[in-house]
N, C-alpha and C. Protein backbone atom coordinates (compact mmCIF):
# COMPACT_ATOMS: atom_id res chain seq x y z
N MET A 1 47.96 17.95 334.22
CA MET A 1 49.24 18.56 334.41
C MET A 1 50.24 18.12 333.35
N LYS A 2 49.91 17.07 332.71
CA LYS A 2 50.80 16.63 331.68
C LYS A 2 50.93 17.65 330.57
N ALA A 3 49.87 18.34 330.25
CA ALA A 3 49.90 19.35 329.20
C ALA A 3 50.88 20.46 329.56
N THR A 4 50.95 20.87 330.80
CA THR A 4 51.86 21.91 331.23
C THR A 4 53.30 21.42 331.11
N THR A 5 53.56 20.20 331.47
CA THR A 5 54.90 19.64 331.39
C THR A 5 55.37 19.58 329.94
N GLU A 6 54.52 19.15 329.04
CA GLU A 6 54.90 19.08 327.62
C GLU A 6 55.15 20.47 327.07
N THR A 7 54.38 21.44 327.48
CA THR A 7 54.58 22.80 327.00
C THR A 7 55.91 23.34 327.50
N ASP A 8 56.26 23.07 328.76
CA ASP A 8 57.54 23.50 329.30
C ASP A 8 58.70 22.85 328.53
N GLU A 9 58.56 21.57 328.21
CA GLU A 9 59.60 20.87 327.46
C GLU A 9 59.71 21.44 326.06
N GLU A 10 58.59 21.76 325.45
CA GLU A 10 58.63 22.36 324.12
C GLU A 10 59.29 23.73 324.19
N MET A 11 59.03 24.51 325.22
CA MET A 11 59.63 25.83 325.38
C MET A 11 61.13 25.71 325.60
N ILE A 12 61.52 24.73 326.39
CA ILE A 12 62.94 24.51 326.62
C ILE A 12 63.60 24.09 325.31
N SER A 13 62.97 23.22 324.59
CA SER A 13 63.52 22.76 323.32
C SER A 13 63.60 23.92 322.33
N SER A 14 62.61 24.77 322.32
CA SER A 14 62.60 25.92 321.43
C SER A 14 63.72 26.90 321.81
N ALA A 15 63.91 27.13 323.08
CA ALA A 15 64.98 28.01 323.53
C ALA A 15 66.35 27.42 323.19
N ASP A 16 66.50 26.12 323.38
CA ASP A 16 67.75 25.45 323.03
C ASP A 16 68.01 25.55 321.54
N LEU A 17 66.97 25.35 320.77
CA LEU A 17 67.08 25.41 319.31
C LEU A 17 67.50 26.80 318.87
N LYS A 18 66.92 27.82 319.45
CA LYS A 18 67.28 29.20 319.11
C LYS A 18 68.75 29.48 319.44
N ARG A 19 69.20 29.02 320.60
CA ARG A 19 70.60 29.20 320.99
C ARG A 19 71.52 28.46 320.02
N ASP A 20 71.15 27.24 319.66
CA ASP A 20 71.97 26.45 318.74
C ASP A 20 72.04 27.11 317.37
N LEU A 21 70.91 27.62 316.91
CA LEU A 21 70.90 28.31 315.62
C LEU A 21 71.76 29.57 315.65
N GLN A 22 71.69 30.30 316.73
CA GLN A 22 72.52 31.51 316.86
C GLN A 22 74.00 31.14 316.89
N ALA A 23 74.33 30.09 317.61
CA ALA A 23 75.73 29.63 317.66
C ALA A 23 76.18 29.18 316.28
N LEU A 24 75.31 28.50 315.55
CA LEU A 24 75.63 28.05 314.20
C LEU A 24 75.86 29.24 313.27
N ARG A 25 75.01 30.25 313.38
CA ARG A 25 75.18 31.46 312.57
C ARG A 25 76.52 32.11 312.85
N GLU A 26 76.88 32.18 314.12
CA GLU A 26 78.16 32.80 314.49
C GLU A 26 79.33 31.97 313.97
N ASP A 27 79.21 30.66 314.07
CA ASP A 27 80.28 29.80 313.54
C ASP A 27 80.43 29.97 312.04
N LEU A 28 79.31 30.04 311.32
CA LEU A 28 79.37 30.22 309.87
C LEU A 28 79.97 31.58 309.50
N ARG A 29 79.61 32.61 310.27
CA ARG A 29 80.18 33.93 310.03
C ARG A 29 81.70 33.90 310.21
N GLN A 30 82.16 33.21 311.25
CA GLN A 30 83.60 33.12 311.51
C GLN A 30 84.29 32.31 310.41
N ILE A 31 83.65 31.27 309.94
CA ILE A 31 84.23 30.46 308.86
C ILE A 31 84.37 31.31 307.60
N ARG A 32 83.34 32.10 307.28
CA ARG A 32 83.42 32.98 306.12
C ARG A 32 84.59 33.95 306.25
N LEU A 33 84.77 34.52 307.41
CA LEU A 33 85.89 35.44 307.62
C LEU A 33 87.23 34.73 307.46
N ASP A 34 87.31 33.51 308.01
CA ASP A 34 88.55 32.75 307.89
C ASP A 34 88.86 32.41 306.44
N VAL A 35 87.84 32.01 305.69
CA VAL A 35 88.04 31.66 304.27
C VAL A 35 88.47 32.90 303.48
N ARG A 36 87.85 34.03 303.76
CA ARG A 36 88.26 35.27 303.08
C ARG A 36 89.72 35.59 303.38
N GLY A 37 90.10 35.43 304.62
CA GLY A 37 91.49 35.70 304.99
C GLY A 37 92.46 34.76 304.29
N LEU A 38 92.10 33.48 304.24
CA LEU A 38 92.96 32.51 303.56
C LEU A 38 93.07 32.81 302.07
N ALA A 39 91.94 33.15 301.46
CA ALA A 39 91.95 33.48 300.03
C ALA A 39 92.80 34.72 299.77
N SER A 40 92.68 35.70 300.63
CA SER A 40 93.48 36.92 300.48
C SER A 40 94.97 36.62 300.63
N ASP A 41 95.32 35.79 301.60
CA ASP A 41 96.73 35.41 301.80
C ASP A 41 97.26 34.64 300.60
N ALA A 42 96.46 33.73 300.08
CA ALA A 42 96.88 32.93 298.92
C ALA A 42 97.06 33.83 297.70
N ALA A 43 96.16 34.77 297.50
CA ALA A 43 96.28 35.69 296.37
C ALA A 43 97.53 36.55 296.49
N ALA A 44 97.81 37.03 297.68
CA ALA A 44 99.00 37.85 297.89
C ALA A 44 100.28 37.03 297.63
N ALA A 45 100.28 35.81 298.09
CA ALA A 45 101.45 34.94 297.86
C ALA A 45 101.62 34.67 296.36
N GLY A 46 100.52 34.43 295.68
CA GLY A 46 100.58 34.19 294.23
C GLY A 46 101.09 35.41 293.48
N ARG A 47 100.63 36.59 293.88
CA ARG A 47 101.10 37.82 293.24
C ARG A 47 102.60 38.00 293.48
N GLY A 48 103.05 37.70 294.69
CA GLY A 48 104.47 37.83 295.00
C GLY A 48 105.32 36.89 294.16
N ARG A 49 104.88 35.66 294.04
CA ARG A 49 105.63 34.68 293.22
C ARG A 49 105.63 35.08 291.76
N ALA A 50 104.50 35.57 291.26
CA ALA A 50 104.43 36.00 289.86
C ALA A 50 105.38 37.17 289.61
N GLN A 51 105.43 38.09 290.55
CA GLN A 51 106.32 39.25 290.43
C GLN A 51 107.78 38.79 290.39
N GLU A 52 108.15 37.88 291.29
CA GLU A 52 109.52 37.36 291.31
C GLU A 52 109.85 36.66 290.00
N PHE A 53 108.91 35.88 289.48
CA PHE A 53 109.13 35.17 288.22
C PHE A 53 109.36 36.16 287.09
N CYS A 54 108.53 37.20 287.02
CA CYS A 54 108.66 38.20 285.97
C CYS A 54 109.99 38.93 286.05
N GLU A 55 110.41 39.25 287.26
CA GLU A 55 111.70 39.92 287.42
C GLU A 55 112.83 39.01 286.96
N GLY A 56 112.74 37.72 287.27
CA GLY A 56 113.76 36.76 286.83
C GLY A 56 113.79 36.65 285.31
N VAL A 57 112.61 36.64 284.69
CA VAL A 57 112.54 36.57 283.23
C VAL A 57 113.15 37.82 282.62
N ASP A 58 112.83 38.98 283.17
CA ASP A 58 113.40 40.24 282.66
C ASP A 58 114.92 40.22 282.72
N GLU A 59 115.45 39.74 283.83
CA GLU A 59 116.91 39.68 283.97
C GLU A 59 117.52 38.74 282.93
N ARG A 60 116.89 37.60 282.72
CA ARG A 60 117.41 36.64 281.74
C ARG A 60 117.32 37.18 280.32
N VAL A 61 116.24 37.88 280.00
CA VAL A 61 116.09 38.48 278.68
C VAL A 61 117.17 39.53 278.46
N GLN A 62 117.42 40.35 279.45
CA GLN A 62 118.46 41.38 279.34
C GLN A 62 119.83 40.74 279.16
N ALA A 63 120.10 39.66 279.89
CA ALA A 63 121.39 38.98 279.77
C ALA A 63 121.54 38.35 278.38
N ALA A 64 120.46 37.73 277.88
CA ALA A 64 120.51 37.12 276.55
C ALA A 64 120.67 38.18 275.47
N THR A 65 120.01 39.30 275.63
CA THR A 65 120.14 40.39 274.67
C THR A 65 121.56 40.92 274.66
N ALA A 66 122.15 41.08 275.82
CA ALA A 66 123.53 41.56 275.91
C ALA A 66 124.49 40.58 275.25
N LYS A 67 124.30 39.28 275.49
CA LYS A 67 125.17 38.27 274.85
C LYS A 67 124.99 38.27 273.34
N GLY A 68 123.76 38.40 272.89
CA GLY A 68 123.50 38.45 271.45
C GLY A 68 124.15 39.67 270.81
N GLN A 69 124.05 40.81 271.45
CA GLN A 69 124.68 42.03 270.93
C GLN A 69 126.19 41.90 270.91
N GLU A 70 126.72 41.25 271.93
CA GLU A 70 128.17 41.02 271.99
C GLU A 70 128.62 40.13 270.83
N ALA A 71 127.85 39.09 270.53
CA ALA A 71 128.18 38.19 269.42
C ALA A 71 128.13 38.94 268.09
N VAL A 72 127.13 39.78 267.91
CA VAL A 72 127.03 40.57 266.67
C VAL A 72 128.23 41.51 266.56
N ASP A 73 128.58 42.15 267.66
CA ASP A 73 129.73 43.06 267.64
C ASP A 73 131.02 42.31 267.31
N ASP A 74 131.19 41.12 267.89
CA ASP A 74 132.38 40.30 267.59
C ASP A 74 132.41 39.90 266.13
N PHE A 75 131.27 39.52 265.59
CA PHE A 75 131.20 39.13 264.18
C PHE A 75 131.56 40.31 263.28
N ARG A 76 131.02 41.47 263.59
CA ARG A 76 131.33 42.67 262.79
C ARG A 76 132.83 42.98 262.85
N ALA A 77 133.40 42.84 264.03
CA ALA A 77 134.84 43.10 264.17
C ALA A 77 135.64 42.12 263.33
N GLN A 78 135.25 40.86 263.30
CA GLN A 78 135.95 39.85 262.49
C GLN A 78 135.83 40.17 261.00
N VAL A 79 134.64 40.62 260.58
CA VAL A 79 134.44 40.97 259.17
C VAL A 79 135.34 42.15 258.81
N TRP A 80 135.42 43.14 259.67
CA TRP A 80 136.24 44.32 259.39
C TRP A 80 137.74 43.98 259.41
N GLU A 81 138.12 43.09 260.31
CA GLU A 81 139.54 42.73 260.41
C GLU A 81 139.98 41.80 259.28
N HIS A 82 139.10 40.94 258.81
CA HIS A 82 139.45 39.94 257.78
C HIS A 82 138.36 39.89 256.71
N PRO A 83 138.24 40.91 255.90
CA PRO A 83 137.15 40.92 254.92
C PRO A 83 137.30 39.84 253.85
N MET A 84 138.49 39.55 253.38
CA MET A 84 138.68 38.54 252.33
C MET A 84 138.36 37.14 252.87
N THR A 85 138.80 36.85 254.07
CA THR A 85 138.50 35.56 254.67
C THR A 85 137.00 35.38 254.82
N THR A 86 136.32 36.43 255.22
CA THR A 86 134.86 36.39 255.38
C THR A 86 134.20 36.14 254.05
N LEU A 87 134.67 36.83 253.00
CA LEU A 87 134.08 36.68 251.67
C LEU A 87 134.29 35.27 251.13
N VAL A 88 135.49 34.73 251.26
CA VAL A 88 135.79 33.37 250.79
C VAL A 88 134.98 32.34 251.58
N THR A 89 134.86 32.53 252.88
CA THR A 89 134.10 31.61 253.71
C THR A 89 132.62 31.63 253.32
N ALA A 90 132.07 32.81 253.09
CA ALA A 90 130.67 32.92 252.68
C ALA A 90 130.46 32.28 251.31
N PHE A 91 131.41 32.50 250.38
CA PHE A 91 131.29 31.90 249.05
C PHE A 91 131.34 30.37 249.16
N GLY A 92 132.26 29.86 249.95
CA GLY A 92 132.38 28.41 250.12
C GLY A 92 131.14 27.80 250.76
N ALA A 93 130.60 28.46 251.76
CA ALA A 93 129.39 27.96 252.42
C ALA A 93 128.21 27.96 251.44
N GLY A 94 128.11 29.00 250.62
CA GLY A 94 127.03 29.07 249.63
C GLY A 94 127.18 28.00 248.58
N LEU A 95 128.40 27.77 248.11
CA LEU A 95 128.66 26.73 247.11
C LEU A 95 128.32 25.35 247.67
N LEU A 96 128.72 25.07 248.89
CA LEU A 96 128.43 23.79 249.54
C LEU A 96 126.93 23.60 249.72
N ALA A 97 126.23 24.63 250.17
CA ALA A 97 124.79 24.55 250.35
C ALA A 97 124.10 24.30 249.01
N GLY A 98 124.57 24.96 247.96
CA GLY A 98 124.00 24.75 246.62
C GLY A 98 124.19 23.32 246.14
N LEU A 99 125.36 22.76 246.37
CA LEU A 99 125.62 21.38 245.97
C LEU A 99 124.73 20.40 246.74
N LEU A 100 124.58 20.63 248.02
CA LEU A 100 123.75 19.73 248.83
C LEU A 100 122.29 19.80 248.40
N VAL A 101 121.80 20.97 248.11
CA VAL A 101 120.39 21.13 247.70
C VAL A 101 120.19 20.53 246.31
N ARG A 102 121.15 20.69 245.44
CA ARG A 102 121.05 20.19 244.07
C ARG A 102 120.99 18.67 244.03
N ARG A 103 121.68 18.00 244.93
CA ARG A 103 121.69 16.54 244.95
C ARG A 103 120.35 15.96 245.35
N ARG A 104 119.57 16.64 246.11
CA ARG A 104 118.28 16.13 246.60
C ARG A 104 117.27 16.40 245.59
């Protein structure tokens, strides 16, 4: 009768093992789904942050371009309003630069 008892125990162990393997498969499937969801959420958050950064850069570039254009316009206005002063200033700056370069 011992042989029958061992066979029953082996069958019980085999049934338990099959249930455990099935539970493990289900757990792994759920983990895969969870990881996919987390990766998708992280990617979406990264895309959102990148978009915000790009929009901020665009705004700063536009502001810098506007300030640069304003400076050019102001300079042109000064040249038109005071052409002789501009010419003398440019001549003096060129003469000074020439003297400094010549000394070296």
